[in-house]
C-alpha atoms as a PDB file:
ATOM      1  CA  MET A   1     100.033  15.683 -54.101  1.00  0.00           C
ATOM      2  CA  ARG A   2      97.290  16.072 -56.683  1.00  0.00           C
ATOM      3  CA  ALA A   3      98.056  16.369 -60.382  1.00  0.00           C
ATOM      4  CA  GLU A   4      96.463  19.841 -60.415  1.00  0.00           C
ATOM      5  CA  THR A   5      98.887  21.011 -57.732  1.00  0.00           C
ATOM      6  CA  TRP A   6     101.843  19.679 -59.687  1.00  0.00           C
ATOM      7  CA  ARG A   7     100.647  21.535 -62.786  1.00  0.00           C
ATOM      8  CA  LEU A   8     100.275  24.732 -60.766  1.00  0.00           C
ATOM      9  CA  LEU A   9     103.775  24.311 -59.327  1.00  0.00           C
ATOM     10  CA  ALA A  10     105.213  23.637 -62.785  1.00  0.00           C
ATOM     11  CA  GLY A  11     103.461  26.738 -64.124  1.00  0.00           C
ATOM     12  CA  VAL A  12     104.872  28.878 -61.324  1.00  0.00           C
ATOM     13  CA  LEU A  13     108.389  27.547 -61.908  1.00  0.00           C
ATOM     14  CA  VAL A  14     108.143  28.248 -65.634  1.00  0.00           C
ATOM     15  CA  ALA A  15     106.882  31.770 -64.922  1.00  0.00           C
ATOM     16  CA  LEU A  16     109.765  32.376 -62.507  1.00  0.00           C
ATOM     17  CA  ALA A  17     112.276  31.068 -65.043  1.00  0.00           C
ATOM     18  CA  LEU A  18     110.924  33.559 -67.574  1.00  0.00           C
ATOM     19  CA  VAL A  19     110.678  36.528 -65.207  1.00  0.00           C
ATOM     20  CA  LEU A  20     113.852  36.229 -63.109  1.00  0.00           C
ATOM     21  CA  PRO A  21     116.292  37.062 -65.961  1.00  0.00           C
ATOM     22  CA  LEU A  22     114.375  40.316 -66.463  1.00  0.00           C
ATOM     23  CA  VAL A  23     114.901  41.486 -62.868  1.00  0.00           C
ATOM     24  CA  PRO A  24     118.501  42.710 -63.415  1.00  0.00           C
ATOM     25  CA  LEU A  25     117.341  44.572 -66.536  1.00  0.00           C
ATOM     26  CA  ALA A  26     114.600  46.298 -64.572  1.00  0.00           C
ATOM     27  CA  ILE A  27     117.073  47.273 -61.855  1.00  0.00           C
ATOM     28  CA  TRP A  28     119.611  48.562 -64.367  1.00  0.00           C
ATOM     29  CA  SER A  29     116.978  50.661 -66.135  1.00  0.00           C
ATOM     30  CA  GLY A  30     116.310  52.601 -62.934  1.00  0.00           C
ATOM     31  CA  ALA A  31     119.834  52.631 -61.527  1.00  0.00           C
ATOM     32  CA  HIS A  32     122.152  55.616 -61.359  1.00  0.00           C
ATOM     33  CA  GLY A  33     125.260  53.447 -61.310  1.00  0.00           C
ATOM     34  CA  TRP A  34     125.327  49.911 -59.903  1.00  0.00           C
ATOM     35  CA  ARG A  35     128.683  48.606 -58.803  1.00  0.00           C
ATOM     36  CA  TYR A  36     129.957  45.437 -57.219  1.00  0.00           C
ATOM     37  CA  PRO A  37     129.514  44.336 -54.431  1.00  0.00           C
ATOM     38  CA  ASP A  38     126.320  46.356 -53.859  1.00  0.00           C
ATOM     39  CA  LEU A  39     123.259  44.123 -53.972  1.00  0.00           C
ATOM     40  CA  LEU A  40     121.133  47.048 -55.136  1.00  0.00           C
ATOM     41  CA  PRO A  41     122.030  50.437 -56.625  1.00  0.00           C
ATOM     42  CA  GLN A  42     122.822  53.184 -54.140  1.00  0.00           C
ATOM     43  CA  GLN A  43     120.971  55.768 -56.240  1.00  0.00           C
ATOM     44  CA  TRP A  44     117.988  55.562 -58.548  1.00  0.00           C
ATOM     45  CA  SER A  45     117.183  57.638 -61.603  1.00  0.00           C
ATOM     46  CA  GLY A  46     114.689  57.792 -64.454  1.00  0.00           C
ATOM     47  CA  LYS A  47     117.175  59.301 -66.911  1.00  0.00           C
ATOM     48  CA  ALA A  48     117.575  56.038 -68.824  1.00  0.00           C
ATOM     49  CA  TRP A  49     113.852  55.821 -69.521  1.00  0.00           C
ATOM     50  CA  THR A  50     113.715  59.508 -70.421  1.00  0.00           C
ATOM     51  CA  LEU A  51     116.467  59.019 -72.989  1.00  0.00           C
ATOM     52  CA  ALA A  52     115.008  55.741 -74.291  1.00  0.00           C
ATOM     53  CA  LEU A  53     111.595  57.288 -74.884  1.00  0.00           C
ATOM     54  CA  SER A  54     112.859  60.571 -76.308  1.00  0.00           C
ATOM     55  CA  ASP A  55     113.461  61.366 -79.961  1.00  0.00           C
ATOM     56  CA  ARG A  56     117.139  61.810 -79.169  1.00  0.00           C
ATOM     57  CA  GLY A  57     117.495  58.160 -78.128  1.00  0.00           C
ATOM     58  CA  GLY A  58     116.222  56.820 -81.450  1.00  0.00           C
ATOM     59  CA  VAL A  59     114.439  53.951 -79.702  1.00  0.00           C
ATOM     60  CA  VAL A  60     110.868  54.833 -80.653  1.00  0.00           C
ATOM     61  CA  GLU A  61     111.757  55.215 -84.326  1.00  0.00           C
ATOM     62  CA  SER A  62     113.710  51.942 -84.291  1.00  0.00           C
ATOM     63  CA  LEU A  63     110.831  50.184 -82.537  1.00  0.00           C
ATOM     64  CA  GLY A  64     108.428  51.222 -85.294  1.00  0.00           C
ATOM     65  CA  LEU A  65     110.880  50.153 -87.989  1.00  0.00           C
ATOM     66  CA  THR A  66     111.509  46.786 -86.319  1.00  0.00           C
ATOM     67  CA  LEU A  67     107.762  46.160 -86.032  1.00  0.00           C
ATOM     68  CA  THR A  68     107.266  47.069 -89.694  1.00  0.00           C
ATOM     69  CA  ILE A  69     110.042  44.712 -90.826  1.00  0.00           C
ATOM     70  CA  ALA A  70     108.851  41.827 -88.618  1.00  0.00           C
ATOM     71  CA  ILE A  71     105.197  42.183 -89.682  1.00  0.00           C
ATOM     72  CA  ALA A  72     106.092  42.482 -93.382  1.00  0.00           C
ATOM     73  CA  THR A  73     108.415  39.474 -93.147  1.00  0.00           C
ATOM     74  CA  THR A  74     105.712  37.433 -91.400  1.00  0.00           C
ATOM     75  CA  ALA A  75     103.099  38.379 -94.005  1.00  0.00           C
ATOM     76  CA  LEU A  76     105.389  37.445 -96.905  1.00  0.00           C
ATOM     77  CA  ALA A  77     106.343  34.201 -95.167  1.00  0.00           C
ATOM     78  CA  ALA A  78     102.648  33.336 -94.831  1.00  0.00           C
ATOM     79  CA  LEU A  79     101.949  34.114 -98.493  1.00  0.00           C
ATOM     80  CA  VAL A  80     104.719  31.734 -99.558  1.00  0.00           C
ATOM     81  CA  GLY A  81     104.617  29.258 -96.678  1.00  0.00           C
ATOM     82  CA  VAL A  82     100.920  28.368 -96.782  1.00  0.00           C
ATOM     83  CA  PRO A  83     100.829  27.090-100.394  1.00  0.00           C
ATOM     84  CA  ALA A  84     104.310  25.579-100.047  1.00  0.00           C
ATOM     85  CA  GLY A  85     103.301  23.840 -96.814  1.00  0.00           C
ATOM     86  CA  ARG A  86     100.124  22.579 -98.478  1.00  0.00           C
ATOM     87  CA  ALA A  87     102.122  21.039-101.309  1.00  0.00           C
ATOM     88  CA  LEU A  88     104.617  19.432 -98.930  1.00  0.00           C
ATOM     89  CA  GLY A  89     101.960  18.212 -96.513  1.00  0.00           C
ATOM     90  CA  LEU A  90      99.397  16.820 -98.938  1.00  0.00           C
ATOM     91  CA  TYR A  91     101.362  15.504-101.904  1.00  0.00           C
ATOM     92  CA  ASP A  92     104.268  13.165-102.621  1.00  0.00           C
ATOM     93  CA  PHE A  93     106.376  14.202-105.589  1.00  0.00           C
ATOM     94  CA  ARG A  94     109.870  13.815-106.948  1.00  0.00           C
ATOM     95  CA  GLY A  95     112.336  16.128-105.238  1.00  0.00           C
ATOM     96  CA  LYS A  96     110.291  16.531-102.057  1.00  0.00           C
ATOM     97  CA  ARG A  97     113.170  15.427 -99.818  1.00  0.00           C
ATOM     98  CA  LEU A  98     115.531  17.803-101.578  1.00  0.00           C
ATOM     99  CA  ILE A  99     113.137  20.696-100.958  1.00  0.00           C
ATOM    100  CA  LEU A 100     112.897  19.770 -97.270  1.00  0.00           C
ATOM    101  CA  LEU A 101     116.691  19.688 -97.078  1.00  0.00           C
ATOM    102  CA  LEU A 102     116.925  23.121 -98.707  1.00  0.00           C
ATOM    103  CA  LEU A 103     114.389  24.472 -96.219  1.00  0.00           C
ATOM    104  CA  LEU A 104     116.551  23.230 -93.365  1.00  0.00           C
ATOM    105  CA  ALA A 105     119.749  24.609 -94.914  1.00  0.00           C
ATOM    106  CA  PRO A 106     119.579  28.040 -93.178  1.00  0.00           C
ATOM    107  CA  ALA A 107     119.520  26.261 -89.813  1.00  0.00           C
ATOM    108  CA  ILE A 108     122.333  23.875 -90.787  1.00  0.00           C
ATOM    109  CA  LEU A 109     124.745  26.351 -92.390  1.00  0.00           C
ATOM    110  CA  PRO A 110     126.972  28.530 -90.175  1.00  0.00           C
ATOM    111  CA  GLY A 111     125.275  31.878 -89.646  1.00  0.00           C
ATOM    112  CA  ILE A 112     128.263  33.944 -90.745  1.00  0.00           C
ATOM    113  CA  ALA A 113     128.535  32.000 -94.027  1.00  0.00           C
ATOM    114  CA  LEU A 114     124.843  32.611 -94.738  1.00  0.00           C
ATOM    115  CA  VAL A 115     125.190  36.318 -93.979  1.00  0.00           C
ATOM    116  CA  LEU A 116     128.276  36.762 -96.163  1.00  0.00           C
ATOM    117  CA  GLY A 117     126.636  34.927 -99.065  1.00  0.00           C
ATOM    118  CA  LEU A 118     123.480  37.015 -98.837  1.00  0.00           C
ATOM    119  CA  HIS A 119     125.470  40.229 -98.520  1.00  0.00           C
ATOM    120  CA  ASP A 120     127.358  39.545-101.745  1.00  0.00           C
ATOM    121  CA  LEU A 121     124.141  38.675-103.593  1.00  0.00           C
ATOM    122  CA  PHE A 122     122.176  41.645-102.254  1.00  0.00           C
ATOM    123  CA  LEU A 123     125.075  43.994-102.982  1.00  0.00           C
ATOM    124  CA  ARG A 124     124.919  42.977-106.641  1.00  0.00           C
ATOM    125  CA  LEU A 125     121.136  43.503-106.636  1.00  0.00           C
ATOM    126  CA  GLY A 126     121.420  46.945-105.039  1.00  0.00           C
ATOM    127  CA  LEU A 127     119.429  45.911-101.971  1.00  0.00           C
ATOM    128  CA  VAL A 128     122.089  46.535 -99.318  1.00  0.00           C
ATOM    129  CA  GLY A 129     121.201  49.452 -97.070  1.00  0.00           C
ATOM    130  CA  THR A 130     117.458  49.276 -97.808  1.00  0.00           C
ATOM    131  CA  THR A 131     114.523  48.231 -95.665  1.00  0.00           C
ATOM    132  CA  GLY A 132     113.205  46.041 -98.466  1.00  0.00           C
ATOM    133  CA  GLY A 133     116.528  44.235 -98.620  1.00  0.00           C
ATOM    134  CA  VAL A 134     116.416  43.571 -94.874  1.00  0.00           C
ATOM    135  CA  ILE A 135     112.870  42.156 -95.164  1.00  0.00           C
ATOM    136  CA  LEU A 136     113.916  39.824 -97.988  1.00  0.00           C
ATOM    137  CA  ALA A 137     116.998  38.769 -96.011  1.00  0.00           C
ATOM    138  CA  HIS A 138     114.858  37.974 -92.969  1.00  0.00           C
ATOM    139  CA  LEU A 139     112.752  35.665 -95.125  1.00  0.00           C
ATOM    140  CA  VAL A 140     115.705  33.290 -95.436  1.00  0.00           C
ATOM    141  CA  PRO A 141     115.669  32.138 -91.773  1.00  0.00           C
ATOM    142  CA  VAL A 142     111.921  32.808 -91.327  1.00  0.00           C
ATOM    143  CA  LEU A 143     110.415  30.948 -94.282  1.00  0.00           C
ATOM    144  CA  PRO A 144     111.490  27.444 -93.172  1.00  0.00           C
ATOM    145  CA  TYR A 145     109.621  27.814 -89.868  1.00  0.00           C
ATOM    146  CA  MET A 146     106.409  28.913 -91.566  1.00  0.00           C
ATOM    147  CA  THR A 147     106.613  26.298 -94.325  1.00  0.00           C
ATOM    148  CA  LEU A 148     107.407  23.350 -92.058  1.00  0.00           C
ATOM    149  CA  VAL A 149     104.678  24.285 -89.568  1.00  0.00           C
ATOM    150  CA  MET A 150     102.133  24.562 -92.369  1.00  0.00           C
ATOM    151  CA  ALA A 151     103.335  21.271 -93.887  1.00  0.00           C
ATOM    152  CA  ALA A 152     102.613  19.575 -90.553  1.00  0.00           C
ATOM    153  CA  VAL A 153      99.174  21.233 -90.430  1.00  0.00           C
ATOM    154  CA  PHE A 154      98.225  20.185 -93.967  1.00  0.00           C
ATOM    155  CA  ALA A 155      99.504  16.634 -93.389  1.00  0.00           C
ATOM    156  CA  GLY A 156      96.352  16.030 -91.343  1.00  0.00           C
ATOM    157  CA  PHE A 157      94.050  18.171 -93.484  1.00  0.00           C
ATOM    158  CA  ASP A 158      90.992  16.543 -95.069  1.00  0.00           C
ATOM    159  CA  THR A 159      90.559  17.975 -98.565  1.00  0.00           C
ATOM    160  CA  ARG A 160      87.055  16.493 -98.841  1.00  0.00           C
ATOM    161  CA  ILE A 161      85.599  19.449 -96.921  1.00  0.00           C
ATOM    162  CA  GLU A 162      86.928  21.762 -99.639  1.00  0.00           C
ATOM    163  CA  ALA A 163      85.417  19.533-102.318  1.00  0.00           C
ATOM    164  CA  GLN A 164      82.059  19.705-100.563  1.00  0.00           C
ATOM    165  CA  ALA A 165      82.200  23.496-100.454  1.00  0.00           C
ATOM    166  CA  ARG A 166      83.040  23.704-104.150  1.00  0.00           C
ATOM    167  CA  SER A 167      80.223  21.296-104.992  1.00  0.00           C
ATOM    168  CA  LEU A 168      77.849  23.720-103.281  1.00  0.00           C
ATOM    169  CA  GLY A 169      79.008  26.551-105.535  1.00  0.00           C
ATOM    170  CA  ALA A 170      81.778  28.190-103.504  1.00  0.00           C
ATOM    171  CA  GLY A 171      84.670  29.584-105.501  1.00  0.00           C
ATOM    172  CA  PRO A 172      88.350  29.074-104.618  1.00  0.00           C
ATOM    173  CA  LEU A 173      88.651  32.262-102.551  1.00  0.00           C
ATOM    174  CA  ARG A 174      85.417  31.677-100.652  1.00  0.00           C
ATOM    175  CA  THR A 175      86.352  28.053-100.038  1.00  0.00           C
ATOM    176  CA  PHE A 176      89.697  29.111 -98.597  1.00  0.00           C
ATOM    177  CA  ALA A 177      88.214  31.901 -96.446  1.00  0.00           C
ATOM    178  CA  THR A 178      85.261  29.954 -95.047  1.00  0.00           C
ATOM    179  CA  VAL A 179      86.506  26.352 -94.991  1.00  0.00           C
ATOM    180  CA  THR A 180      90.291  26.049 -95.207  1.00  0.00           C
ATOM    181  CA  LEU A 181      91.387  29.073 -93.172  1.00  0.00           C
ATOM    182  CA  PRO A 182      89.359  28.283 -90.012  1.00  0.00           C
ATOM    183  CA  VAL A 183      90.843  24.768 -89.967  1.00  0.00           C
ATOM    184  CA  ILE A 184      94.473  25.805 -90.458  1.00  0.00           C
ATOM    185  CA  LEU A 185      94.260  29.035 -88.409  1.00  0.00           C
ATOM    186  CA  PRO A 186      95.825  27.648 -85.177  1.00  0.00           C
ATOM    187  CA  GLY A 187      98.786  26.303 -87.148  1.00  0.00           C
ATOM    188  CA  LEU A 188      99.038  29.509 -89.175  1.00  0.00           C
ATOM    189  CA  LEU A 189      99.154  31.577 -85.973  1.00  0.00           C
ATOM    190  CA  THR A 190     101.847  29.285 -84.579  1.00  0.00           C
ATOM    191  CA  GLY A 191     103.929  29.679 -87.733  1.00  0.00           C
ATOM    192  CA  ALA A 192     103.356  33.437 -87.675  1.00  0.00           C
ATOM    193  CA  LEU A 193     104.544  33.572 -84.062  1.00  0.00           C
ATOM    194  CA  PHE A 194     107.797  31.804 -84.970  1.00  0.00           C
ATOM    195  CA  ALA A 195     108.228  33.988 -88.053  1.00  0.00           C
ATOM    196  CA  PHE A 196     107.659  37.220 -86.147  1.00  0.00           C
ATOM    197  CA  LEU A 197     110.019  36.323 -83.299  1.00  0.00           C
ATOM    198  CA  VAL A 198     112.800  35.134 -85.627  1.00  0.00           C
ATOM    199  CA  SER A 199     112.595  38.322 -87.685  1.00  0.00           C
ATOM    200  CA  TRP A 200     112.221  40.488 -84.579  1.00  0.00           C
ATOM    201  CA  SER A 201     115.423  39.134 -83.048  1.00  0.00           C
ATOM    202  CA  GLN A 202     117.677  39.304 -86.132  1.00  0.00           C
ATOM    203  CA  TYR A 203     120.876  41.235 -85.511  1.00  0.00           C
ATOM    204  CA  LEU A 204     123.657  39.973 -87.791  1.00  0.00           C
ATOM    205  CA  LEU A 205     121.510  39.794 -90.940  1.00  0.00           C
ATOM    206  CA  THR A 206     120.113  43.276 -90.302  1.00  0.00           C
ATOM    207  CA  LEU A 207     123.572  44.707 -89.668  1.00  0.00           C
ATOM    208  CA  ALA A 208     125.047  43.154 -92.826  1.00  0.00           C
ATOM    209  CA  ILE A 209     122.185  43.788 -95.251  1.00  0.00           C
ATOM    210  CA  GLY A 210     121.049  47.057 -93.669  1.00  0.00           C
ATOM    211  CA  GLY A 211     124.596  48.371 -93.897  1.00  0.00           C
ATOM    212  CA  GLY A 212     124.139  50.320 -90.655  1.00  0.00           C
ATOM    213  CA  ARG A 213     121.479  52.505 -92.298  1.00  0.00           C
ATOM    214  CA  VAL A 214     118.538  50.324 -91.240  1.00  0.00           C
ATOM    215  CA  GLN A 215     118.620  50.823 -87.468  1.00  0.00           C
ATOM    216  CA  THR A 216     116.371  48.219 -85.884  1.00  0.00           C
ATOM    217  CA  LEU A 217     115.957  47.855 -82.150  1.00  0.00           C
ATOM    218  CA  PRO A 218     118.548  45.048 -81.731  1.00  0.00           C
ATOM    219  CA  LEU A 219     121.176  47.300 -83.335  1.00  0.00           C
ATOM    220  CA  VAL A 220     120.269  50.237 -81.083  1.00  0.00           C
ATOM    221  CA  LEU A 221     120.293  47.965 -78.033  1.00  0.00           C
ATOM    222  CA  TYR A 222     123.737  46.607 -78.888  1.00  0.00           C
ATOM    223  CA  SER A 223     125.147  50.081 -79.541  1.00  0.00           C
ATOM    224  CA  TYR A 224     124.146  51.296 -76.067  1.00  0.00           C
ATOM    225  CA  ALA A 225     125.400  48.097 -74.427  1.00  0.00           C
ATOM    226  CA  ALA A 226     128.741  48.357 -76.267  1.00  0.00           C
ATOM    227  CA  ALA A 227     129.040  51.983 -75.147  1.00  0.00           C
ATOM    228  CA  GLY A 228     128.708  50.917 -71.507  1.00  0.00           C
ATOM    229  CA  ARG A 229     125.275  52.505 -71.031  1.00  0.00           C
ATOM    230  CA  ASN A 230     123.832  49.574 -69.125  1.00  0.00           C
ATOM    231  CA  ASP A 231     120.995  51.690 -67.738  1.00  0.00           C
ATOM    232  CA  VAL A 232     119.720  52.679 -71.190  1.00  0.00           C
ATOM    233  CA  ALA A 233     120.378  49.169 -72.515  1.00  0.00           C
ATOM    234  CA  GLY A 234     118.251  47.760 -69.669  1.00  0.00           C
ATOM    235  CA  ALA A 235     115.378  50.112 -70.507  1.00  0.00           C
ATOM    236  CA  ILE A 236     115.590  49.281 -74.223  1.00  0.00           C
ATOM    237  CA  ALA A 237     115.736  45.546 -73.464  1.00  0.00           C
ATOM    238  CA  LEU A 238     112.485  45.782 -71.488  1.00  0.00           C
ATOM    239  CA  ILE A 239     110.855  47.675 -74.357  1.00  0.00           C
ATOM    240  CA  TYR A 240     112.287  45.110 -76.758  1.00  0.00           C
ATOM    241  CA  ILE A 241     110.456  42.157 -75.186  1.00  0.00           C
ATOM    242  CA  LEU A 242     107.016  43.797 -75.057  1.00  0.00           C
ATOM    243  CA  PRO A 243     105.851  43.232 -78.678  1.00  0.00           C
ATOM    244  CA  GLY A 244     107.002  39.604 -78.628  1.00  0.00           C
ATOM    245  CA  LEU A 245     105.216  39.058 -75.321  1.00  0.00           C
ATOM    246  CA  ALA A 246     102.043  40.659 -76.685  1.00  0.00           C
ATOM    247  CA  ILE A 247     102.171  38.443 -79.798  1.00  0.00           C
ATOM    248  CA  LEU A 248     102.749  35.388 -77.599  1.00  0.00           C
ATOM    249  CA  LEU A 249      99.744  36.190 -75.390  1.00  0.00           C
ATOM    250  CA  PHE A 250      97.528  36.804 -78.423  1.00  0.00           C
ATOM    251  CA  THR A 251      98.644  33.621 -80.160  1.00  0.00           C
ATOM    252  CA  ALA A 252      98.305  31.472 -77.033  1.00  0.00           C
ATOM    253  CA  SER A 253      94.714  32.578 -76.484  1.00  0.00           C
ATOM    254  CA  ARG A 254      93.782  31.924 -80.138  1.00  0.00           C
ATOM    255  CA  VAL A 255      95.587  28.599 -80.530  1.00  0.00           C
ATOM    256  CA  THR A 256      94.582  26.996 -77.225  1.00  0.00           C
ATOM    257  CA  GLY A 257      91.303  28.793 -76.672  1.00  0.00           C
ATOM    258  CA  ARG A 258      92.557  29.772 -73.217  1.00  0.00           C
ATOM    259  CA  GLY A 259      94.368  32.790 -71.895  1.00  0.00           C
ATOM    260  CA  PHE A 260      98.072  32.593 -71.216  1.00  0.00           C
ATOM    261  CA  GLY A 261      97.347  32.981 -67.514  1.00  0.00           C
ATOM    262  CA  ALA A 262      95.361  29.747 -67.597  1.00  0.00           C
ATOM    263  CA  VAL A 263      98.660  27.896 -67.611  1.00  0.00           C
ATOM    264  CA  LEU A 264      99.076  28.815 -63.954  1.00  0.00           C
ATOM    265  CA  ARG A 265      95.633  27.567 -62.969  1.00  0.00           C
ATOM    266  CA  PRO A 266      95.046  23.952 -62.006  1.00  0.00           C
END
């Protein structure tokens, strides 16, 4: 069997692995009750989608809020992560290993310990129950991804091209926009993808710091699932994956120069 055929088969298997878990969600979202041992629901209904897309369901408002928080968190992570990644990737200095260890700390520490520590700190700062507090809290697990990705990008960066631009009269901002940014853009998009998805999927941090007043989509999804409304939860879950999928498709086409569908072609 040719290598191209194997790649096509691998692409199909990966696509199936990604799509198959969504099939039960799609069935639930259109089911009017689905009980064991029925293979498919006996009755179908669009009430779950009607509720999910109505103002009464609170999904549309939560979707906009979740997008706002994820985009703001990603932007702040980029503002901090790019210069921090440049310093870590290009220079050796005292304390570098300690900084790397601190960056990895959110992934090493138990999640509940991190949440409780942040909650106590943010409560003293008056940030609990605010959207700004949730954004700052999301930076804690998001920033390490952005910084470490950018550190890897800048580790192979040739600073001589910046020196050449400055010797030709370009200022710092123009040098960054016309020379540095095009070189690091694929890595920056990769870091932004990780940052967006990590922020987008946060539940425990949002619940603790938001104090129940910042209702993002994961909180709304969990509330319907806990209430036994599997049909509405299925509809919300399908809505929930769309922005992440759109970001993934956009990033894949920019980073690889090929569309996401090209993975399935030999």
